[in-house]
Amino acid sequence: MGWSTGWRRKGETMTQTLINNGHLRWSDDPSIPYTMKVIDSAFVTLSEHYAAIEKVDKVTGQRSVFCSIIIVNLFKEDRNGYNYSVKGIGSYDSMYPNCPERILALLSPPTEQRDIEWRAACREKAAIRKEISLPAGAEFYTKNPIKFGDGVQDDAFFVIENKGSAVICQMKNLGFRCRLSRNSLLSLHEKQEFSMQPFLKPVTVHEVTNNAEVEQIKPNVNSMKI
């Protein structure tokens, strides 16, 4: 499926935009044997829209619910008046594992292996998000210092406020305040570079071999990671 462009009104939710502009609106032609409507939706990472779509057979009343995945690109209004573009994902794809659990719970049972794998990937990602919910007062650490634009860097942080898409922190070593996106923390977690406990730094051990001093770096394997 290709990209299509449109105009999003100020103050409009992404779901309202997709419905109003026809991306998630279906014909009410009486010759169509079923009806479809959005029963829940979520716009996550400012680029992925997930919607639970209820499909009901007009004759039998048989009901099923599937998930619509739409990739969204937001941009400043161009000379044609457009300020977004969208692309529908034709089938469940584990490259897009950010569907909220509340929407997964509404879906009909999976019938294909690809659907099963996609739902498993979404639940795994949801579990990671819970692990880094980071309430105010929490402390966390990174394996390597996070570098900021002004050259300041730190690897230990104290959470001041969690705003959902961003975490406001204080650097424990330097005392400066900073803002970290949840996506950046998720990326660190996936690379096993995020922990609620300090990472134990490599220990330098001096050994003597053949009357020559050799310096070896031995990492501590007991560092606690989540």
C-alpha atoms as a PDB file:
ATOM      1  CA  MET A   1       0.000   0.000   0.000  1.00  0.00           C
ATOM      2  CA  GLY A   2       1.254   3.478  -0.895  1.00  0.00           C
ATOM      3  CA  TRP A   3       1.325   6.732   1.031  1.00  0.00           C
ATOM      4  CA  SER A   4      -1.570   9.205   0.985  1.00  0.00           C
ATOM      5  CA  THR A   5      -1.561  12.776   2.282  1.00  0.00           C
ATOM      6  CA  GLY A   6      -4.108  14.933   4.056  1.00  0.00           C
ATOM      7  CA  TRP A   7      -4.779  17.838   6.387  1.00  0.00           C
ATOM      8  CA  ARG A   8      -5.126  17.436  10.127  1.00  0.00           C
ATOM      9  CA  ARG A   9      -7.179  20.095  11.898  1.00  0.00           C
ATOM     10  CA  LYS A  10      -5.766  21.825  14.967  1.00  0.00           C
ATOM     11  CA  GLY A  11      -6.849  20.096  18.190  1.00  0.00           C
ATOM     12  CA  GLU A  12      -8.040  16.996  16.368  1.00  0.00           C
ATOM     13  CA  THR A  13      -6.930  13.576  17.607  1.00  0.00           C
ATOM     14  CA  MET A  14      -5.200  11.344  15.086  1.00  0.00           C
ATOM     15  CA  THR A  15      -8.139   8.934  15.203  1.00  0.00           C
ATOM     16  CA  GLN A  16     -10.584  11.742  14.399  1.00  0.00           C
ATOM     17  CA  THR A  17      -8.382  12.803  11.492  1.00  0.00           C
ATOM     18  CA  LEU A  18      -8.215   9.282  10.072  1.00  0.00           C
ATOM     19  CA  ILE A  19     -11.997   8.881  10.355  1.00  0.00           C
ATOM     20  CA  ASN A  20     -12.875  12.344   9.016  1.00  0.00           C
ATOM     21  CA  ASN A  21     -10.529  11.986   6.048  1.00  0.00           C
ATOM     22  CA  GLY A  22     -11.761   8.511   5.139  1.00  0.00           C
ATOM     23  CA  HIS A  23      -8.794   6.393   6.192  1.00  0.00           C
ATOM     24  CA  LEU A  24     -10.895   4.687   8.887  1.00  0.00           C
ATOM     25  CA  ARG A  25     -14.381   5.309   7.516  1.00  0.00           C
ATOM     26  CA  TRP A  26     -16.361   2.797   5.501  1.00  0.00           C
ATOM     27  CA  SER A  27     -19.272   3.155   3.122  1.00  0.00           C
ATOM     28  CA  ASP A  28     -22.809   2.735   4.494  1.00  0.00           C
ATOM     29  CA  ASP A  29     -23.971   1.399   1.103  1.00  0.00           C
ATOM     30  CA  PRO A  30     -26.788  -1.094   1.894  1.00  0.00           C
ATOM     31  CA  SER A  31     -25.388  -3.516  -0.682  1.00  0.00           C
ATOM     32  CA  ILE A  32     -22.289  -4.072   1.467  1.00  0.00           C
ATOM     33  CA  PRO A  33     -22.986  -7.173   3.611  1.00  0.00           C
ATOM     34  CA  TYR A  34     -21.233  -5.940   6.738  1.00  0.00           C
ATOM     35  CA  THR A  35     -20.593  -2.850   8.855  1.00  0.00           C
ATOM     36  CA  MET A  36     -17.247  -1.736  10.284  1.00  0.00           C
ATOM     37  CA  LYS A  37     -16.367   0.818  12.935  1.00  0.00           C
ATOM     38  CA  VAL A  38     -13.531   1.811  15.260  1.00  0.00           C
ATOM     39  CA  ILE A  39     -14.170   0.680  18.835  1.00  0.00           C
ATOM     40  CA  ASP A  40     -10.808   1.682  20.342  1.00  0.00           C
ATOM     41  CA  SER A  41      -7.580   3.222  19.100  1.00  0.00           C
ATOM     42  CA  ALA A  42      -4.161   4.526  20.110  1.00  0.00           C
ATOM     43  CA  PHE A  43      -1.596   6.794  18.477  1.00  0.00           C
ATOM     44  CA  VAL A  44       1.824   5.802  19.810  1.00  0.00           C
ATOM     45  CA  THR A  45       5.412   6.978  19.253  1.00  0.00           C
ATOM     46  CA  LEU A  46       3.887   9.819  17.184  1.00  0.00           C
ATOM     47  CA  SER A  47       4.165   7.571  14.142  1.00  0.00           C
ATOM     48  CA  GLU A  48       2.046   4.429  14.643  1.00  0.00           C
ATOM     49  CA  HIS A  49      -1.753   4.313  14.866  1.00  0.00           C
ATOM     50  CA  TYR A  50      -3.483   1.145  16.088  1.00  0.00           C
ATOM     51  CA  ALA A  51      -7.255   0.708  15.933  1.00  0.00           C
ATOM     52  CA  ALA A  52      -9.548  -2.155  16.925  1.00  0.00           C
ATOM     53  CA  ILE A  53     -12.082  -2.478  14.079  1.00  0.00           C
ATOM     54  CA  GLU A  54     -15.383  -4.232  14.710  1.00  0.00           C
ATOM     55  CA  LYS A  55     -16.831  -6.006  11.662  1.00  0.00           C
ATOM     56  CA  VAL A  56     -20.443  -7.247  11.866  1.00  0.00           C
ATOM     57  CA  ASP A  57     -22.303  -9.289   9.252  1.00  0.00           C
ATOM     58  CA  LYS A  58     -25.623  -7.538   8.525  1.00  0.00           C
ATOM     59  CA  VAL A  59     -27.492 -10.820   7.991  1.00  0.00           C
ATOM     60  CA  THR A  60     -26.069 -13.244  10.547  1.00  0.00           C
ATOM     61  CA  GLY A  61     -24.841 -10.726  13.119  1.00  0.00           C
ATOM     62  CA  GLN A  62     -21.522 -12.561  13.256  1.00  0.00           C
ATOM     63  CA  ARG A  63     -18.953 -10.276  14.848  1.00  0.00           C
ATOM     64  CA  SER A  64     -15.169 -10.138  14.554  1.00  0.00           C
ATOM     65  CA  VAL A  65     -12.546  -7.608  15.589  1.00  0.00           C
ATOM     66  CA  PHE A  66      -9.236  -7.009  13.838  1.00  0.00           C
ATOM     67  CA  CYS A  67      -6.476  -4.439  14.226  1.00  0.00           C
ATOM     68  CA  SER A  68      -5.751  -1.713  11.705  1.00  0.00           C
ATOM     69  CA  ILE A  69      -2.113  -0.549  11.688  1.00  0.00           C
ATOM     70  CA  ILE A  70      -1.395   2.784  10.014  1.00  0.00           C
ATOM     71  CA  ILE A  71       2.027   4.432   9.820  1.00  0.00           C
ATOM     72  CA  VAL A  72       1.798   8.211  10.226  1.00  0.00           C
ATOM     73  CA  ASN A  73       4.249  10.907   9.163  1.00  0.00           C
ATOM     74  CA  LEU A  74       3.489  14.358  10.616  1.00  0.00           C
ATOM     75  CA  PHE A  75       5.072  17.451   9.126  1.00  0.00           C
ATOM     76  CA  LYS A  76       4.667  21.214   8.817  1.00  0.00           C
ATOM     77  CA  GLU A  77       1.878  22.248   6.471  1.00  0.00           C
ATOM     78  CA  ASP A  78       3.199  22.304   2.899  1.00  0.00           C
ATOM     79  CA  ARG A  79       2.226  24.561   0.002  1.00  0.00           C
ATOM     80  CA  ASN A  80      -0.660  22.236  -0.875  1.00  0.00           C
ATOM     81  CA  GLY A  81      -2.120  22.506   2.630  1.00  0.00           C
ATOM     82  CA  TYR A  82      -1.160  18.980   3.681  1.00  0.00           C
ATOM     83  CA  ASN A  83       0.408  18.296   7.087  1.00  0.00           C
ATOM     84  CA  TYR A  84       0.496  14.512   7.332  1.00  0.00           C
ATOM     85  CA  SER A  85       0.868  11.359   5.273  1.00  0.00           C
ATOM     86  CA  VAL A  86      -0.237   7.825   6.120  1.00  0.00           C
ATOM     87  CA  LYS A  87       0.401   4.298   4.941  1.00  0.00           C
ATOM     88  CA  GLY A  88      -1.642   1.266   5.936  1.00  0.00           C
ATOM     89  CA  ILE A  89       0.095  -1.984   6.846  1.00  0.00           C
ATOM     90  CA  GLY A  90      -1.591  -4.771   4.920  1.00  0.00           C
ATOM     91  CA  SER A  91      -1.023  -7.503   7.491  1.00  0.00           C
ATOM     92  CA  TYR A  92       0.234  -7.907  11.042  1.00  0.00           C
ATOM     93  CA  ASP A  93       3.933  -7.174  11.119  1.00  0.00           C
ATOM     94  CA  SER A  94       6.249  -7.708  14.101  1.00  0.00           C
ATOM     95  CA  MET A  95       8.183  -4.619  12.981  1.00  0.00           C
ATOM     96  CA  TYR A  96       5.326  -2.684  14.611  1.00  0.00           C
ATOM     97  CA  PRO A  97       5.039  -4.173  18.132  1.00  0.00           C
ATOM     98  CA  ASN A  98       3.610  -1.156  19.953  1.00  0.00           C
ATOM     99  CA  CYS A  99      -0.091  -2.020  19.990  1.00  0.00           C
ATOM    100  CA  PRO A 100      -1.440  -1.427  23.538  1.00  0.00           C
ATOM    101  CA  GLU A 101      -2.608  -4.452  25.492  1.00  0.00           C
ATOM    102  CA  ARG A 102      -6.127  -3.046  25.858  1.00  0.00           C
ATOM    103  CA  ILE A 103      -6.529  -3.190  22.069  1.00  0.00           C
ATOM    104  CA  LEU A 104      -5.012  -6.673  21.838  1.00  0.00           C
ATOM    105  CA  ALA A 105      -7.628  -7.819  24.368  1.00  0.00           C
ATOM    106  CA  LEU A 106     -10.436  -6.725  22.033  1.00  0.00           C
ATOM    107  CA  LEU A 107      -9.241  -8.674  18.988  1.00  0.00           C
ATOM    108  CA  SER A 108     -10.739 -11.925  17.776  1.00  0.00           C
ATOM    109  CA  PRO A 109      -8.576 -15.044  18.293  1.00  0.00           C
ATOM    110  CA  PRO A 110      -5.653 -15.212  15.829  1.00  0.00           C
ATOM    111  CA  THR A 111      -5.957 -17.501  12.808  1.00  0.00           C
ATOM    112  CA  GLU A 112      -2.479 -17.108  11.287  1.00  0.00           C
ATOM    113  CA  GLN A 113       1.048 -17.657  12.605  1.00  0.00           C
ATOM    114  CA  ARG A 114       2.026 -14.131  11.634  1.00  0.00           C
ATOM    115  CA  ASP A 115      -0.792 -12.764  13.792  1.00  0.00           C
ATOM    116  CA  ILE A 116       0.305 -14.927  16.742  1.00  0.00           C
ATOM    117  CA  GLU A 117       3.904 -13.709  16.432  1.00  0.00           C
ATOM    118  CA  TRP A 118       2.817 -10.064  16.159  1.00  0.00           C
ATOM    119  CA  ARG A 119       0.684 -10.260  19.299  1.00  0.00           C
ATOM    120  CA  ALA A 120       3.540 -11.940  21.186  1.00  0.00           C
ATOM    121  CA  ALA A 121       5.920  -9.157  20.101  1.00  0.00           C
ATOM    122  CA  CYS A 122       3.420  -6.510  21.264  1.00  0.00           C
ATOM    123  CA  ARG A 123       3.010  -8.143  24.678  1.00  0.00           C
ATOM    124  CA  GLU A 124       6.785  -8.437  25.075  1.00  0.00           C
ATOM    125  CA  LYS A 125       7.188  -4.732  24.283  1.00  0.00           C
ATOM    126  CA  ALA A 126       4.374  -3.881  26.727  1.00  0.00           C
ATOM    127  CA  ALA A 127       6.167  -5.832  29.476  1.00  0.00           C
ATOM    128  CA  ILE A 128       9.348  -3.819  28.841  1.00  0.00           C
ATOM    129  CA  ARG A 129       7.403  -0.550  29.032  1.00  0.00           C
ATOM    130  CA  LYS A 130       6.071  -1.582  32.439  1.00  0.00           C
ATOM    131  CA  GLU A 131       9.596  -2.326  33.655  1.00  0.00           C
ATOM    132  CA  ILE A 132      10.704   1.216  32.829  1.00  0.00           C
ATOM    133  CA  SER A 133       7.563   2.978  34.074  1.00  0.00           C
ATOM    134  CA  LEU A 134       9.925   4.909  36.389  1.00  0.00           C
ATOM    135  CA  PRO A 135       7.764   6.711  38.944  1.00  0.00           C
ATOM    136  CA  ALA A 136       8.982   9.929  40.540  1.00  0.00           C
ATOM    137  CA  GLY A 137      11.747   9.142  43.009  1.00  0.00           C
ATOM    138  CA  ALA A 138      13.080   6.136  41.099  1.00  0.00           C
ATOM    139  CA  GLU A 139      16.746   5.848  40.230  1.00  0.00           C
ATOM    140  CA  PHE A 140      18.180   4.245  37.122  1.00  0.00           C
ATOM    141  CA  TYR A 141      21.561   3.750  35.523  1.00  0.00           C
ATOM    142  CA  THR A 142      22.975   3.294  32.031  1.00  0.00           C
ATOM    143  CA  LYS A 143      25.918   1.120  31.060  1.00  0.00           C
ATOM    144  CA  ASN A 144      27.572   4.031  29.271  1.00  0.00           C
ATOM    145  CA  PRO A 145      27.124   7.752  29.949  1.00  0.00           C
ATOM    146  CA  ILE A 146      24.337   9.488  28.017  1.00  0.00           C
ATOM    147  CA  LYS A 147      25.761  12.476  26.192  1.00  0.00           C
ATOM    148  CA  PHE A 148      23.762  15.692  25.828  1.00  0.00           C
ATOM    149  CA  GLY A 149      24.121  18.456  23.277  1.00  0.00           C
ATOM    150  CA  ASP A 150      26.165  20.766  25.497  1.00  0.00           C
ATOM    151  CA  GLY A 151      28.800  18.106  26.163  1.00  0.00           C
ATOM    152  CA  VAL A 152      27.423  17.147  29.587  1.00  0.00           C
ATOM    153  CA  GLN A 153      27.168  13.407  30.204  1.00  0.00           C
ATOM    154  CA  ASP A 154      26.128  11.105  33.041  1.00  0.00           C
ATOM    155  CA  ASP A 155      25.214   7.468  33.660  1.00  0.00           C
ATOM    156  CA  ALA A 156      23.111   7.810  36.838  1.00  0.00           C
ATOM    157  CA  PHE A 157      19.719   9.524  37.046  1.00  0.00           C
ATOM    158  CA  PHE A 158      17.014  10.377  39.562  1.00  0.00           C
ATOM    159  CA  VAL A 159      13.444  10.630  38.219  1.00  0.00           C
ATOM    160  CA  ILE A 160      11.689  13.920  38.978  1.00  0.00           C
ATOM    161  CA  GLU A 161       8.612  13.442  36.800  1.00  0.00           C
ATOM    162  CA  ASN A 162       7.363  10.864  34.301  1.00  0.00           C
ATOM    163  CA  LYS A 163       5.266  12.502  31.593  1.00  0.00           C
ATOM    164  CA  GLY A 164       4.567   9.311  29.645  1.00  0.00           C
ATOM    165  CA  SER A 165       6.474  10.018  26.438  1.00  0.00           C
ATOM    166  CA  ALA A 166       9.336  11.686  28.312  1.00  0.00           C
ATOM    167  CA  VAL A 167      11.045  11.365  31.679  1.00  0.00           C
ATOM    168  CA  ILE A 168      12.325  14.448  33.510  1.00  0.00           C
ATOM    169  CA  CYS A 169      15.445  13.517  35.480  1.00  0.00           C
ATOM    170  CA  GLN A 170      18.250  14.913  37.568  1.00  0.00           C
ATOM    171  CA  MET A 171      21.764  13.702  36.888  1.00  0.00           C
ATOM    172  CA  LYS A 172      22.974  12.116  40.119  1.00  0.00           C
ATOM    173  CA  ASN A 173      26.656  12.862  39.563  1.00  0.00           C
ATOM    174  CA  LEU A 174      26.389  16.390  38.173  1.00  0.00           C
ATOM    175  CA  GLY A 175      23.065  17.663  39.522  1.00  0.00           C
ATOM    176  CA  PHE A 176      21.779  18.999  36.174  1.00  0.00           C
ATOM    177  CA  ARG A 177      18.229  18.376  35.014  1.00  0.00           C
ATOM    178  CA  CYS A 178      17.563  16.623  31.725  1.00  0.00           C
ATOM    179  CA  ARG A 179      14.759  15.198  29.615  1.00  0.00           C
ATOM    180  CA  LEU A 180      14.893  11.642  28.210  1.00  0.00           C
ATOM    181  CA  SER A 181      12.369  10.115  25.842  1.00  0.00           C
ATOM    182  CA  ARG A 182      10.793   6.776  26.706  1.00  0.00           C
ATOM    183  CA  ASN A 183      11.816   5.520  23.269  1.00  0.00           C
ATOM    184  CA  SER A 184      15.484   6.178  24.049  1.00  0.00           C
ATOM    185  CA  LEU A 185      15.129   4.292  27.355  1.00  0.00           C
ATOM    186  CA  LEU A 186      13.386   1.401  25.573  1.00  0.00           C
ATOM    187  CA  SER A 187      16.274   1.259  23.116  1.00  0.00           C
ATOM    188  CA  LEU A 188      18.800   1.128  25.981  1.00  0.00           C
ATOM    189  CA  HIS A 189      16.786  -1.634  27.659  1.00  0.00           C
ATOM    190  CA  GLU A 190      16.725  -3.713  24.465  1.00  0.00           C
ATOM    191  CA  LYS A 191      20.526  -3.399  24.256  1.00  0.00           C
ATOM    192  CA  GLN A 192      20.813  -4.384  27.950  1.00  0.00           C
ATOM    193  CA  GLU A 193      22.320  -1.000  28.765  1.00  0.00           C
ATOM    194  CA  PHE A 194      19.625   0.086  31.260  1.00  0.00           C
ATOM    195  CA  SER A 195      19.387  -0.985  34.911  1.00  0.00           C
ATOM    196  CA  MET A 196      17.714  -0.056  38.181  1.00  0.00           C
ATOM    197  CA  GLN A 197      21.017  -0.933  39.884  1.00  0.00           C
ATOM    198  CA  PRO A 198      24.451   0.595  39.215  1.00  0.00           C
ATOM    199  CA  PHE A 199      26.510  -1.209  36.597  1.00  0.00           C
ATOM    200  CA  LEU A 200      29.675  -2.510  38.189  1.00  0.00           C
ATOM    201  CA  LYS A 201      32.593  -1.151  36.231  1.00  0.00           C
ATOM    202  CA  PRO A 202      35.411  -3.402  34.951  1.00  0.00           C
ATOM    203  CA  VAL A 203      38.057  -4.062  37.569  1.00  0.00           C
ATOM    204  CA  THR A 204      41.675  -3.536  36.635  1.00  0.00           C
ATOM    205  CA  VAL A 205      43.838  -6.460  37.828  1.00  0.00           C
ATOM    206  CA  HIS A 206      47.622  -6.466  37.659  1.00  0.00           C
ATOM    207  CA  GLU A 207      49.254  -9.829  37.085  1.00  0.00           C
ATOM    208  CA  VAL A 208      52.920 -10.736  36.722  1.00  0.00           C
ATOM    209  CA  THR A 209      53.790 -13.065  33.843  1.00  0.00           C
ATOM    210  CA  ASN A 210      57.379 -13.925  32.939  1.00  0.00           C
ATOM    211  CA  ASN A 211      58.651 -11.102  35.112  1.00  0.00           C
ATOM    212  CA  ALA A 212      56.617  -8.608  33.040  1.00  0.00           C
ATOM    213  CA  GLU A 213      53.632  -6.782  34.437  1.00  0.00           C
ATOM    214  CA  VAL A 214      50.484  -7.280  32.306  1.00  0.00           C
ATOM    215  CA  GLU A 215      47.360  -5.194  32.841  1.00  0.00           C
ATOM    216  CA  GLN A 216      44.084  -7.082  32.304  1.00  0.00           C
ATOM    217  CA  ILE A 217      40.554  -5.713  32.345  1.00  0.00           C
ATOM    218  CA  LYS A 218      38.114  -8.165  33.904  1.00  0.00           C
ATOM    219  CA  PRO A 219      34.433  -7.181  33.735  1.00  0.00           C
ATOM    220  CA  ASN A 220      32.265  -8.116  36.711  1.00  0.00           C
ATOM    221  CA  VAL A 221      29.627 -10.559  35.416  1.00  0.00           C
ATOM    222  CA  ASN A 222      27.375 -10.125  38.419  1.00  0.00           C
ATOM    223  CA  SER A 223      26.027  -6.709  37.416  1.00  0.00           C
ATOM    224  CA  MET A 224      22.267  -6.578  37.879  1.00  0.00           C
ATOM    225  CA  LYS A 225      20.408  -5.777  34.682  1.00  0.00           C
ATOM    226  CA  ILE A 226      16.715  -5.796  33.891  1.00  0.00           C
END
